[in-house]
Amino acid sequence: MKYLCLVYMEQRTLDAMSPTEFNALISESLANDEELRRRGHYVAAQALQPTSAATTLRIRGGRLSTTDGPFAETKEHLSGFIMIEARDLNQALQLAAGIPMVRMGSIEVRPVREFCGDR
């Protein structure tokens, strides 16, 4: 079964990192991705640009509106994702616990809903 691991971080935490610390985090994250790949659990992963680069769309009353930034006003924002393959939720949680950003932010693990006839 597939699980989406949503990585949430405070932008200020990332901004406060020195280039050396940030590069070490990236290296550790890529090594974790490679380990997941080697063990057959990796599906996809990607970091996201800061929330300042986001645009939120809404359609209300038939009219499209756009807003700069994320929809929710929260401290932690979606920073990236890792899609994994795991036999069950327990294994997915164990795998997600190895994601380096869990030490600075949070990881939401959510099962992917698979529909019959997916293309």
PDB file of N, CA and C in Angstrom:
ATOM      1  N   MET A   1       0.845  -1.177   0.000  1.00  0.00           N
ATOM      2  CA  MET A   1       0.000   0.000   0.000  1.00  0.00           C
ATOM      3  C   MET A   1       0.888   1.236   0.000  1.00  0.00           C
ATOM      4  N   LYS A   2       0.422   2.270  -0.672  1.00  0.00           N
ATOM      5  CA  LYS A   2       1.175   3.518  -0.737  1.00  0.00           C
ATOM      6  C   LYS A   2       0.753   4.452   0.408  1.00  0.00           C
ATOM      7  N   TYR A   3       1.744   5.170   0.921  1.00  0.00           N
ATOM      8  CA  TYR A   3       1.527   6.169   1.964  1.00  0.00           C
ATOM      9  C   TYR A   3       2.238   7.444   1.550  1.00  0.00           C
ATOM     10  N   LEU A   4       1.574   8.571   1.760  1.00  0.00           N
ATOM     11  CA  LEU A   4       2.184   9.860   1.489  1.00  0.00           C
ATOM     12  C   LEU A   4       2.658  10.430   2.817  1.00  0.00           C
ATOM     13  N   CYS A   5       3.938  10.723   2.893  1.00  0.00           N
ATOM     14  CA  CYS A   5       4.532  11.337   4.077  1.00  0.00           C
ATOM     15  C   CYS A   5       4.680  12.823   3.779  1.00  0.00           C
ATOM     16  N   LEU A   6       3.843  13.629   4.403  1.00  0.00           N
ATOM     17  CA  LEU A   6       3.849  15.073   4.193  1.00  0.00           C
ATOM     18  C   LEU A   6       4.783  15.704   5.219  1.00  0.00           C
ATOM     19  N   VAL A   7       5.767  16.424   4.746  1.00  0.00           N
ATOM     20  CA  VAL A   7       6.790  17.018   5.603  1.00  0.00           C
ATOM     21  C   VAL A   7       6.392  18.461   5.902  1.00  0.00           C
ATOM     22  N   TYR A   8       6.220  18.769   7.180  1.00  0.00           N
ATOM     23  CA  TYR A   8       5.879  20.128   7.611  1.00  0.00           C
ATOM     24  C   TYR A   8       7.035  20.707   8.410  1.00  0.00           C
ATOM     25  N   MET A   9       7.399  21.932   8.080  1.00  0.00           N
ATOM     26  CA  MET A   9       8.493  22.619   8.753  1.00  0.00           C
ATOM     27  C   MET A   9       8.122  24.086   8.930  1.00  0.00           C
ATOM     28  N   GLU A  10       8.747  24.732   9.904  1.00  0.00           N
ATOM     29  CA  GLU A  10       8.651  26.177  10.014  1.00  0.00           C
ATOM     30  C   GLU A  10       9.703  26.772   9.096  1.00  0.00           C
ATOM     31  N   GLN A  11       9.310  27.683   8.245  1.00  0.00           N
ATOM     32  CA  GLN A  11      10.249  28.292   7.313  1.00  0.00           C
ATOM     33  C   GLN A  11      11.401  28.951   8.057  1.00  0.00           C
ATOM     34  N   ARG A  12      11.098  29.543   9.204  1.00  0.00           N
ATOM     35  CA  ARG A  12      12.164  30.228   9.949  1.00  0.00           C
ATOM     36  C   ARG A  12      13.220  29.239  10.446  1.00  0.00           C
ATOM     37  N   THR A  13      12.823  27.983  10.695  1.00  0.00           N
ATOM     38  CA  THR A  13      13.800  26.966  11.096  1.00  0.00           C
ATOM     39  C   THR A  13      14.779  26.712   9.955  1.00  0.00           C
ATOM     40  N   LEU A  14      14.248  26.574   8.745  1.00  0.00           N
ATOM     41  CA  LEU A  14      15.112  26.379   7.582  1.00  0.00           C
ATOM     42  C   LEU A  14      15.958  27.620   7.312  1.00  0.00           C
ATOM     43  N   ASP A  15      15.350  28.807   7.428  1.00  0.00           N
ATOM     44  CA  ASP A  15      16.070  30.054   7.171  1.00  0.00           C
ATOM     45  C   ASP A  15      17.208  30.272   8.163  1.00  0.00           C
ATOM     46  N   ALA A  16      17.065  29.756   9.385  1.00  0.00           N
ATOM     47  CA  ALA A  16      18.076  29.950  10.430  1.00  0.00           C
ATOM     48  C   ALA A  16      19.275  29.016  10.272  1.00  0.00           C
ATOM     49  N   MET A  17      19.164  28.018   9.404  1.00  0.00           N
ATOM     50  CA  MET A  17      20.258  27.069   9.220  1.00  0.00           C
ATOM     51  C   MET A  17      21.400  27.710   8.432  1.00  0.00           C
ATOM     52  N   SER A  18      22.610  27.387   8.838  1.00  0.00           N
ATOM     53  CA  SER A  18      23.772  27.835   8.065  1.00  0.00           C
ATOM     54  C   SER A  18      23.809  27.030   6.766  1.00  0.00           C
ATOM     55  N   PRO A  19      24.532  27.499   5.764  1.00  0.00           N
ATOM     56  CA  PRO A  19      24.655  26.708   4.533  1.00  0.00           C
ATOM     57  C   PRO A  19      25.197  25.302   4.803  1.00  0.00           C
ATOM     58  N   THR A  20      26.109  25.176   5.732  1.00  0.00           N
ATOM     59  CA  THR A  20      26.669  23.863   6.070  1.00  0.00           C
ATOM     60  C   THR A  20      25.605  22.960   6.675  1.00  0.00           C
ATOM     61  N   GLU A  21      24.803  23.492   7.599  1.00  0.00           N
ATOM     62  CA  GLU A  21      23.728  22.710   8.225  1.00  0.00           C
ATOM     63  C   GLU A  21      22.676  22.311   7.188  1.00  0.00           C
ATOM     64  N   PHE A  22      22.311  23.261   6.326  1.00  0.00           N
ATOM     65  CA  PHE A  22      21.301  22.982   5.305  1.00  0.00           C
ATOM     66  C   PHE A  22      21.796  21.909   4.341  1.00  0.00           C
ATOM     67  N   ASN A  23      23.035  22.033   3.887  1.00  0.00           N
ATOM     68  CA  ASN A  23      23.591  21.032   2.974  1.00  0.00           C
ATOM     69  C   ASN A  23      23.688  19.662   3.634  1.00  0.00           C
ATOM     70  N   ALA A  24      23.999  19.623   4.926  1.00  0.00           N
ATOM     71  CA  ALA A  24      24.051  18.352   5.657  1.00  0.00           C
ATOM     72  C   ALA A  24      22.652  17.726   5.725  1.00  0.00           C
ATOM     73  N   LEU A  25      21.627  18.547   5.952  1.00  0.00           N
ATOM     74  CA  LEU A  25      20.250  18.057   5.989  1.00  0.00           C
ATOM     75  C   LEU A  25      19.843  17.493   4.628  1.00  0.00           C
ATOM     76  N   ILE A  26      20.192  18.190   3.566  1.00  0.00           N
ATOM     77  CA  ILE A  26      19.871  17.722   2.214  1.00  0.00           C
ATOM     78  C   ILE A  26      20.586  16.408   1.932  1.00  0.00           C
ATOM     79  N   SER A  27      21.849  16.328   2.276  1.00  0.00           N
ATOM     80  CA  SER A  27      22.615  15.085   2.060  1.00  0.00           C
ATOM     81  C   SER A  27      22.012  13.930   2.832  1.00  0.00           C
ATOM     82  N   GLU A  28      21.643  14.179   4.083  1.00  0.00           N
ATOM     83  CA  GLU A  28      21.024  13.127   4.902  1.00  0.00           C
ATOM     84  C   GLU A  28      19.682  12.705   4.323  1.00  0.00           C
ATOM     85  N   SER A  29      18.925  13.670   3.823  1.00  0.00           N
ATOM     86  CA  SER A  29      17.618  13.363   3.229  1.00  0.00           C
ATOM     87  C   SER A  29      17.774  12.534   1.959  1.00  0.00           C
ATOM     88  N   LEU A  30      18.730  12.894   1.120  1.00  0.00           N
ATOM     89  CA  LEU A  30      18.964  12.133  -0.111  1.00  0.00           C
ATOM     90  C   LEU A  30      19.454  10.719   0.206  1.00  0.00           C
ATOM     91  N   ALA A  31      20.266  10.582   1.248  1.00  0.00           N
ATOM     92  CA  ALA A  31      20.726   9.251   1.666  1.00  0.00           C
ATOM     93  C   ALA A  31      19.554   8.418   2.171  1.00  0.00           C
ATOM     94  N   ASN A  32      18.628   9.048   2.893  1.00  0.00           N
ATOM     95  CA  ASN A  32      17.435   8.340   3.359  1.00  0.00           C
ATOM     96  C   ASN A  32      16.585   7.897   2.173  1.00  0.00           C
ATOM     97  N   ASP A  33      16.416   8.780   1.188  1.00  0.00           N
ATOM     98  CA  ASP A  33      15.669   8.417  -0.022  1.00  0.00           C
ATOM     99  C   ASP A  33      16.318   7.213  -0.699  1.00  0.00           C
ATOM    100  N   GLU A  34      17.629   7.227  -0.790  1.00  0.00           N
ATOM    101  CA  GLU A  34      18.351   6.124  -1.440  1.00  0.00           C
ATOM    102  C   GLU A  34      18.174   4.818  -0.661  1.00  0.00           C
ATOM    103  N   GLU A  35      18.181   4.900   0.652  1.00  0.00           N
ATOM    104  CA  GLU A  35      17.961   3.698   1.472  1.00  0.00           C
ATOM    105  C   GLU A  35      16.547   3.162   1.273  1.00  0.00           C
ATOM    106  N   LEU A  36      15.565   4.060   1.215  1.00  0.00           N
ATOM    107  CA  LEU A  36      14.189   3.634   0.932  1.00  0.00           C
ATOM    108  C   LEU A  36      14.108   2.970  -0.439  1.00  0.00           C
ATOM    109  N   ARG A  37      14.799   3.551  -1.412  1.00  0.00           N
ATOM    110  CA  ARG A  37      14.822   2.996  -2.775  1.00  0.00           C
ATOM    111  C   ARG A  37      15.449   1.600  -2.764  1.00  0.00           C
ATOM    112  N   ARG A  38      16.580   1.473  -2.082  1.00  0.00           N
ATOM    113  CA  ARG A  38      17.301   0.198  -2.019  1.00  0.00           C
ATOM    114  C   ARG A  38      16.436  -0.895  -1.387  1.00  0.00           C
ATOM    115  N   ARG A  39      15.617  -0.512  -0.409  1.00  0.00           N
ATOM    116  CA  ARG A  39      14.776  -1.485   0.297  1.00  0.00           C
ATOM    117  C   ARG A  39      13.408  -1.686  -0.364  1.00  0.00           C
ATOM    118  N   GLY A  40      13.164  -0.994  -1.486  1.00  0.00           N
ATOM    119  CA  GLY A  40      11.920  -1.179  -2.227  1.00  0.00           C
ATOM    120  C   GLY A  40      10.730  -0.398  -1.712  1.00  0.00           C
ATOM    121  N   HIS A  41      10.961   0.639  -0.912  1.00  0.00           N
ATOM    122  CA  HIS A  41       9.861   1.424  -0.341  1.00  0.00           C
ATOM    123  C   HIS A  41       9.667   2.777  -1.014  1.00  0.00           C
ATOM    124  N   TYR A  42      10.639   3.234  -1.766  1.00  0.00           N
ATOM    125  CA  TYR A  42      10.612   4.571  -2.353  1.00  0.00           C
ATOM    126  C   TYR A  42       9.708   4.592  -3.582  1.00  0.00           C
ATOM    127  N   VAL A  43       8.816   5.573  -3.635  1.00  0.00           N
ATOM    128  CA  VAL A  43       8.004   5.804  -4.823  1.00  0.00           C
ATOM    129  C   VAL A  43       8.392   7.143  -5.446  1.00  0.00           C
ATOM    130  N   ALA A  44       8.386   8.206  -4.646  1.00  0.00           N
ATOM    131  CA  ALA A  44       8.747   9.541  -5.133  1.00  0.00           C
ATOM    132  C   ALA A  44       8.990  10.452  -3.938  1.00  0.00           C
ATOM    133  N   ALA A  45       9.755  11.507  -4.158  1.00  0.00           N
ATOM    134  CA  ALA A  45       9.991  12.507  -3.115  1.00  0.00           C
ATOM    135  C   ALA A  45      10.352  13.820  -3.782  1.00  0.00           C
ATOM    136  N   GLN A  46       9.970  14.912  -3.128  1.00  0.00           N
ATOM    137  CA  GLN A  46      10.311  16.220  -3.677  1.00  0.00           C
ATOM    138  C   GLN A  46      10.199  17.261  -2.582  1.00  0.00           C
ATOM    139  N   ALA A  47      11.128  18.169  -2.549  1.00  0.00           N
ATOM    140  CA  ALA A  47      11.040  19.339  -1.669  1.00  0.00           C
ATOM    141  C   ALA A  47      10.237  20.410  -2.398  1.00  0.00           C
ATOM    142  N   LEU A  48       9.645  21.302  -1.626  1.00  0.00           N
ATOM    143  CA  LEU A  48       8.858  22.385  -2.204  1.00  0.00           C
ATOM    144  C   LEU A  48       9.552  23.723  -1.968  1.00  0.00           C
ATOM    145  N   GLN A  49       9.299  24.676  -2.842  1.00  0.00           N
ATOM    146  CA  GLN A  49       9.785  26.034  -2.658  1.00  0.00           C
ATOM    147  C   GLN A  49       9.127  26.605  -1.397  1.00  0.00           C
ATOM    148  N   PRO A  50       9.665  27.687  -0.827  1.00  0.00           N
ATOM    149  CA  PRO A  50       9.059  28.295   0.367  1.00  0.00           C
ATOM    150  C   PRO A  50       7.616  28.735   0.108  1.00  0.00           C
ATOM    151  N   THR A  51       6.876  28.910   1.193  1.00  0.00           N
ATOM    152  CA  THR A  51       5.469  29.316   1.065  1.00  0.00           C
ATOM    153  C   THR A  51       5.317  30.655   0.361  1.00  0.00           C
ATOM    154  N   SER A  52       6.352  31.470   0.376  1.00  0.00           N
ATOM    155  CA  SER A  52       6.275  32.762  -0.322  1.00  0.00           C
ATOM    156  C   SER A  52       6.114  32.584  -1.827  1.00  0.00           C
ATOM    157  N   ALA A  53       6.430  31.392  -2.338  1.00  0.00           N
ATOM    158  CA  ALA A  53       6.281  31.116  -3.766  1.00  0.00           C
ATOM    159  C   ALA A  53       4.936  30.464  -4.093  1.00  0.00           C
ATOM    160  N   ALA A  54       4.125  30.205  -3.077  1.00  0.00           N
ATOM    161  CA  ALA A  54       2.852  29.497  -3.277  1.00  0.00           C
ATOM    162  C   ALA A  54       1.735  30.446  -3.698  1.00  0.00           C
ATOM    163  N   THR A  55       0.773  29.902  -4.406  1.00  0.00           N
ATOM    164  CA  THR A  55      -0.462  30.604  -4.749  1.00  0.00           C
ATOM    165  C   THR A  55      -1.612  29.656  -4.454  1.00  0.00           C
ATOM    166  N   THR A  56      -2.617  30.144  -3.749  1.00  0.00           N
ATOM    167  CA  THR A  56      -3.791  29.346  -3.417  1.00  0.00           C
ATOM    168  C   THR A  56      -4.956  29.773  -4.309  1.00  0.00           C
ATOM    169  N   LEU A  57      -5.624  28.787  -4.891  1.00  0.00           N
ATOM    170  CA  LEU A  57      -6.792  29.038  -5.743  1.00  0.00           C
ATOM    171  C   LEU A  57      -8.063  28.655  -5.000  1.00  0.00           C
ATOM    172  N   ARG A  58      -9.121  29.403  -5.241  1.00  0.00           N
ATOM    173  CA  ARG A  58     -10.452  29.074  -4.720  1.00  0.00           C
ATOM    174  C   ARG A  58     -11.482  29.465  -5.777  1.00  0.00           C
ATOM    175  N   ILE A  59     -12.531  28.676  -5.861  1.00  0.00           N
ATOM    176  CA  ILE A  59     -13.683  29.077  -6.671  1.00  0.00           C
ATOM    177  C   ILE A  59     -14.857  29.156  -5.708  1.00  0.00           C
ATOM    178  N   ARG A  60     -15.425  30.334  -5.601  1.00  0.00           N
ATOM    179  CA  ARG A  60     -16.588  30.573  -4.742  1.00  0.00           C
ATOM    180  C   ARG A  60     -17.603  31.339  -5.568  1.00  0.00           C
ATOM    181  N   GLY A  61     -18.823  30.850  -5.566  1.00  0.00           N
ATOM    182  CA  GLY A  61     -19.864  31.516  -6.343  1.00  0.00           C
ATOM    183  C   GLY A  61     -19.531  31.582  -7.818  1.00  0.00           C
ATOM    184  N   GLY A  62     -18.812  30.574  -8.307  1.00  0.00           N
ATOM    185  CA  GLY A  62     -18.457  30.526  -9.717  1.00  0.00           C
ATOM    186  C   GLY A  62     -17.309  31.436 -10.112  1.00  0.00           C
ATOM    187  N   ARG A  63     -16.682  32.117  -9.156  1.00  0.00           N
ATOM    188  CA  ARG A  63     -15.587  33.046  -9.459  1.00  0.00           C
ATOM    189  C   ARG A  63     -14.279  32.517  -8.896  1.00  0.00           C
ATOM    190  N   LEU A  64     -13.255  32.578  -9.713  1.00  0.00           N
ATOM    191  CA  LEU A  64     -11.917  32.144  -9.324  1.00  0.00           C
ATOM    192  C   LEU A  64     -11.184  33.282  -8.641  1.00  0.00           C
ATOM    193  N   SER A  65     -10.604  32.980  -7.494  1.00  0.00           N
ATOM    194  CA  SER A  65      -9.746  33.970  -6.841  1.00  0.00           C
ATOM    195  C   SER A  65      -8.414  33.314  -6.522  1.00  0.00           C
ATOM    196  N   THR A  66      -7.381  34.121  -6.489  1.00  0.00           N
ATOM    197  CA  THR A  66      -6.052  33.633  -6.137  1.00  0.00           C
ATOM    198  C   THR A  66      -5.515  34.457  -4.970  1.00  0.00           C
ATOM    199  N   THR A  67      -4.750  33.796  -4.123  1.00  0.00           N
ATOM    200  CA  THR A  67      -4.126  34.445  -2.978  1.00  0.00           C
ATOM    201  C   THR A  67      -2.675  34.001  -2.928  1.00  0.00           C
ATOM    202  N   ASP A  68      -1.787  34.945  -2.723  1.00  0.00           N
ATOM    203  CA  ASP A  68      -0.389  34.580  -2.559  1.00  0.00           C
ATOM    204  C   ASP A  68      -0.229  33.818  -1.245  1.00  0.00           C
ATOM    205  N   GLY A  69       0.619  32.804  -1.280  1.00  0.00           N
ATOM    206  CA  GLY A  69       0.923  32.043  -0.077  1.00  0.00           C
ATOM    207  C   GLY A  69      -0.055  30.912   0.162  1.00  0.00           C
ATOM    208  N   PRO A  70       0.151  30.229   1.270  1.00  0.00           N
ATOM    209  CA  PRO A  70      -0.706  29.080   1.594  1.00  0.00           C
ATOM    210  C   PRO A  70      -2.070  29.532   2.106  1.00  0.00           C
ATOM    211  N   PHE A  71      -3.022  28.634   2.073  1.00  0.00           N
ATOM    212  CA  PHE A  71      -4.375  28.915   2.534  1.00  0.00           C
ATOM    213  C   PHE A  71      -4.411  29.094   4.044  1.00  0.00           C
ATOM    214  N   ALA A  72      -3.765  28.194   4.775  1.00  0.00           N
ATOM    215  CA  ALA A  72      -3.839  28.199   6.235  1.00  0.00           C
ATOM    216  C   ALA A  72      -2.747  29.080   6.837  1.00  0.00           C
ATOM    217  N   GLU A  73      -3.105  29.753   7.901  1.00  0.00           N
ATOM    218  CA  GLU A  73      -2.131  30.530   8.659  1.00  0.00           C
ATOM    219  C   GLU A  73      -1.643  29.652   9.805  1.00  0.00           C
ATOM    220  N   THR A  74      -0.539  28.993   9.610  1.00  0.00           N
ATOM    221  CA  THR A  74       0.033  28.119  10.628  1.00  0.00           C
ATOM    222  C   THR A  74       1.532  28.367  10.713  1.00  0.00           C
ATOM    223  N   LYS A  75       2.131  27.899  11.791  1.00  0.00           N
ATOM    224  CA  LYS A  75       3.586  28.019  11.929  1.00  0.00           C
ATOM    225  C   LYS A  75       4.281  27.086  10.952  1.00  0.00           C
ATOM    226  N   GLU A  76       3.851  25.831  10.943  1.00  0.00           N
ATOM    227  CA  GLU A  76       4.481  24.846  10.065  1.00  0.00           C
ATOM    228  C   GLU A  76       3.730  24.790   8.738  1.00  0.00           C
ATOM    229  N   HIS A  77       4.504  24.753   7.660  1.00  0.00           N
ATOM    230  CA  HIS A  77       3.927  24.688   6.331  1.00  0.00           C
ATOM    231  C   HIS A  77       4.451  23.459   5.611  1.00  0.00           C
ATOM    232  N   LEU A  78       3.697  23.016   4.636  1.00  0.00           N
ATOM    233  CA  LEU A  78       4.111  21.882   3.826  1.00  0.00           C
ATOM    234  C   LEU A  78       5.413  22.224   3.116  1.00  0.00           C
ATOM    235  N   SER A  79       6.449  21.431   3.383  1.00  0.00           N
ATOM    236  CA  SER A  79       7.775  21.697   2.829  1.00  0.00           C
ATOM    237  C   SER A  79       8.173  20.690   1.765  1.00  0.00           C
ATOM    238  N   GLY A  80       7.511  19.540   1.752  1.00  0.00           N
ATOM    239  CA  GLY A  80       7.851  18.508   0.788  1.00  0.00           C
ATOM    240  C   GLY A  80       7.051  17.253   1.060  1.00  0.00           C
ATOM    241  N   PHE A  81       7.326  16.234   0.284  1.00  0.00           N
ATOM    242  CA  PHE A  81       6.618  14.976   0.460  1.00  0.00           C
ATOM    243  C   PHE A  81       7.518  13.818   0.071  1.00  0.00           C
ATOM    244  N   ILE A  82       7.192  12.660   0.622  1.00  0.00           N
ATOM    245  CA  ILE A  82       7.829  11.410   0.232  1.00  0.00           C
ATOM    246  C   ILE A  82       6.713  10.380   0.107  1.00  0.00           C
ATOM    247  N   MET A  83       6.580   9.802  -1.060  1.00  0.00           N
ATOM    248  CA  MET A  83       5.602   8.733  -1.279  1.00  0.00           C
ATOM    249  C   MET A  83       6.347   7.425  -1.078  1.00  0.00           C
ATOM    250  N   ILE A  84       5.795   6.579  -0.195  1.00  0.00           N
ATOM    251  CA  ILE A  84       6.442   5.299   0.092  1.00  0.00           C
ATOM    252  C   ILE A  84       5.471   4.151  -0.131  1.00  0.00           C
ATOM    253  N   GLU A  85       6.027   2.983  -0.247  1.00  0.00           N
ATOM    254  CA  GLU A  85       5.269   1.739  -0.335  1.00  0.00           C
ATOM    255  C   GLU A  85       5.572   0.974   0.946  1.00  0.00           C
ATOM    256  N   ALA A  86       4.526   0.570   1.671  1.00  0.00           N
ATOM    257  CA  ALA A  86       4.697  -0.171   2.922  1.00  0.00           C
ATOM    258  C   ALA A  86       3.600  -1.225   3.042  1.00  0.00           C
ATOM    259  N   ARG A  87       3.883  -2.278   3.790  1.00  0.00           N
ATOM    260  CA  ARG A  87       2.888  -3.352   3.912  1.00  0.00           C
ATOM    261  C   ARG A  87       1.683  -2.936   4.756  1.00  0.00           C
ATOM    262  N   ASP A  88       1.904  -1.992   5.712  1.00  0.00           N
ATOM    263  CA  ASP A  88       0.813  -1.529   6.573  1.00  0.00           C
ATOM    264  C   ASP A  88       1.219  -0.206   7.226  1.00  0.00           C
ATOM    265  N   LEU A  89       0.297   0.355   8.006  1.00  0.00           N
ATOM    266  CA  LEU A  89       0.556   1.644   8.636  1.00  0.00           C
ATOM    267  C   LEU A  89       1.738   1.576   9.593  1.00  0.00           C
ATOM    268  N   ASN A  90       1.858   0.507  10.340  1.00  0.00           N
ATOM    269  CA  ASN A  90       2.982   0.397  11.275  1.00  0.00           C
ATOM    270  C   ASN A  90       4.318   0.497  10.555  1.00  0.00           C
ATOM    271  N   GLN A  91       4.460  -0.201   9.443  1.00  0.00           N
ATOM    272  CA  GLN A  91       5.715  -0.118   8.693  1.00  0.00           C
ATOM    273  C   GLN A  91       5.889   1.288   8.117  1.00  0.00           C
ATOM    274  N   ALA A  92       4.811   1.889   7.638  1.00  0.00           N
ATOM    275  CA  ALA A  92       4.889   3.250   7.099  1.00  0.00           C
ATOM    276  C   ALA A  92       5.369   4.230   8.165  1.00  0.00           C
ATOM    277  N   LEU A  93       4.872   4.082   9.388  1.00  0.00           N
ATOM    278  CA  LEU A  93       5.290   4.963  10.480  1.00  0.00           C
ATOM    279  C   LEU A  93       6.762   4.753  10.823  1.00  0.00           C
ATOM    280  N   GLN A  94       7.207   3.515  10.801  1.00  0.00           N
ATOM    281  CA  GLN A  94       8.621   3.230  11.064  1.00  0.00           C
ATOM    282  C   GLN A  94       9.503   3.871   9.990  1.00  0.00           C
ATOM    283  N   LEU A  95       9.093   3.748   8.739  1.00  0.00           N
ATOM    284  CA  LEU A  95       9.858   4.343   7.644  1.00  0.00           C
ATOM    285  C   LEU A  95       9.858   5.870   7.745  1.00  0.00           C
ATOM    286  N   ALA A  96       8.707   6.452   8.066  1.00  0.00           N
ATOM    287  CA  ALA A  96       8.600   7.911   8.178  1.00  0.00           C
ATOM    288  C   ALA A  96       9.455   8.443   9.329  1.00  0.00           C
ATOM    289  N   ALA A  97       9.621   7.661  10.367  1.00  0.00           N
ATOM    290  CA  ALA A  97      10.446   8.085  11.502  1.00  0.00           C
ATOM    291  C   ALA A  97      11.903   8.267  11.102  1.00  0.00           C
ATOM    292  N   GLY A  98      12.308   7.689   9.977  1.00  0.00           N
ATOM    293  CA  GLY A  98      13.672   7.838   9.489  1.00  0.00           C
ATOM    294  C   GLY A  98      13.887   9.066   8.619  1.00  0.00           C
ATOM    295  N   ILE A  99      12.828   9.802   8.321  1.00  0.00           N
ATOM    296  CA  ILE A  99      12.953  11.012   7.509  1.00  0.00           C
ATOM    297  C   ILE A  99      13.625  12.085   8.369  1.00  0.00           C
ATOM    298  N   PRO A 100      14.764  12.609   7.947  1.00  0.00           N
ATOM    299  CA  PRO A 100      15.531  13.534   8.792  1.00  0.00           C
ATOM    300  C   PRO A 100      14.759  14.750   9.295  1.00  0.00           C
ATOM    301  N   MET A 101      13.839  15.291   8.513  1.00  0.00           N
ATOM    302  CA  MET A 101      13.121  16.500   8.923  1.00  0.00           C
ATOM    303  C   MET A 101      12.186  16.264  10.103  1.00  0.00           C
ATOM    304  N   VAL A 102      11.939  15.015  10.468  1.00  0.00           N
ATOM    305  CA  VAL A 102      11.074  14.728  11.613  1.00  0.00           C
ATOM    306  C   VAL A 102      11.672  15.316  12.900  1.00  0.00           C
ATOM    307  N   ARG A 103      12.979  15.527  12.916  1.00  0.00           N
ATOM    308  CA  ARG A 103      13.641  16.089  14.102  1.00  0.00           C
ATOM    309  C   ARG A 103      13.400  17.586  14.255  1.00  0.00           C
ATOM    310  N   MET A 104      12.979  18.259  13.182  1.00  0.00           N
ATOM    311  CA  MET A 104      12.801  19.715  13.218  1.00  0.00           C
ATOM    312  C   MET A 104      11.369  20.150  12.963  1.00  0.00           C
ATOM    313  N   GLY A 105      10.593  19.279  12.386  1.00  0.00           N
ATOM    314  CA  GLY A 105       9.213  19.609  12.042  1.00  0.00           C
ATOM    315  C   GLY A 105       8.320  18.430  12.372  1.00  0.00           C
ATOM    316  N   SER A 106       7.420  18.120  11.473  1.00  0.00           N
ATOM    317  CA  SER A 106       6.541  16.972  11.666  1.00  0.00           C
ATOM    318  C   SER A 106       6.297  16.286  10.329  1.00  0.00           C
ATOM    319  N   ILE A 107       5.954  15.016  10.409  1.00  0.00           N
ATOM    320  CA  ILE A 107       5.643  14.215   9.231  1.00  0.00           C
ATOM    321  C   ILE A 107       4.238  13.672   9.412  1.00  0.00           C
ATOM    322  N   GLU A 108       3.357  14.007   8.504  1.00  0.00           N
ATOM    323  CA  GLU A 108       2.004  13.443   8.497  1.00  0.00           C
ATOM    324  C   GLU A 108       2.021  12.259   7.541  1.00  0.00           C
ATOM    325  N   VAL A 109       1.646  11.096   8.039  1.00  0.00           N
ATOM    326  CA  VAL A 109       1.620   9.883   7.225  1.00  0.00           C
ATOM    327  C   VAL A 109       0.161   9.591   6.902  1.00  0.00           C
ATOM    328  N   ARG A 110      -0.130   9.555   5.607  1.00  0.00           N
ATOM    329  CA  ARG A 110      -1.515   9.363   5.182  1.00  0.00           C
ATOM    330  C   ARG A 110      -1.591   8.285   4.116  1.00  0.00           C
ATOM    331  N   PRO A 111      -2.458   7.275   4.315  1.00  0.00           N
ATOM    332  CA  PRO A 111      -2.628   6.254   3.281  1.00  0.00           C
ATOM    333  C   PRO A 111      -3.187   6.878   2.004  1.00  0.00           C
ATOM    334  N   VAL A 112      -2.718   6.388   0.878  1.00  0.00           N
ATOM    335  CA  VAL A 112      -3.219   6.848  -0.416  1.00  0.00           C
ATOM    336  C   VAL A 112      -4.488   6.067  -0.734  1.00  0.00           C
ATOM    337  N   ARG A 113      -5.527   6.767  -1.100  1.00  0.00           N
ATOM    338  CA  ARG A 113      -6.780   6.110  -1.479  1.00  0.00           C
ATOM    339  C   ARG A 113      -6.670   5.695  -2.923  1.00  0.00           C
ATOM    340  N   GLU A 114      -6.757   4.422  -3.153  1.00  0.00           N
ATOM    341  CA  GLU A 114      -6.648   3.897  -4.510  1.00  0.00           C
ATOM    342  C   GLU A 114      -8.063   3.519  -4.978  1.00  0.00           C
ATOM    343  N   PHE A 115      -8.424   4.028  -6.135  1.00  0.00           N
ATOM    344  CA  PHE A 115      -9.727   3.765  -6.701  1.00  0.00           C
ATOM    345  C   PHE A 115      -9.611   2.673  -7.761  1.00  0.00           C
ATOM    346  N   CYS A 116     -10.620   1.860  -7.890  1.00  0.00           N
ATOM    347  CA  CYS A 116     -10.642   0.862  -8.962  1.00  0.00           C
ATOM    348  C   CYS A 116     -10.662   1.615 -10.277  1.00  0.00           C
ATOM    349  N   GLY A 117      -9.912   1.101 -11.243  1.00  0.00           N
ATOM    350  CA  GLY A 117      -9.878   1.720 -12.558  1.00  0.00           C
ATOM    351  C   GLY A 117      -8.971   2.925 -12.644  1.00  0.00           C
ATOM    352  N   ASP A 118      -8.077   3.107 -11.638  1.00  0.00           N
ATOM    353  CA  ASP A 118      -7.098   4.195 -11.739  1.00  0.00           C
ATOM    354  C   ASP A 118      -6.330   4.078 -13.037  1.00  0.00           C
ATOM    355  N   ARG A 119      -6.057   5.214 -13.628  1.00  0.00           N
ATOM    356  CA  ARG A 119      -5.314   5.218 -14.895  1.00  0.00           C
ATOM    357  C   ARG A 119      -3.851   5.294 -14.647  1.00  0.00           C
TER     358      ARG A 119
END
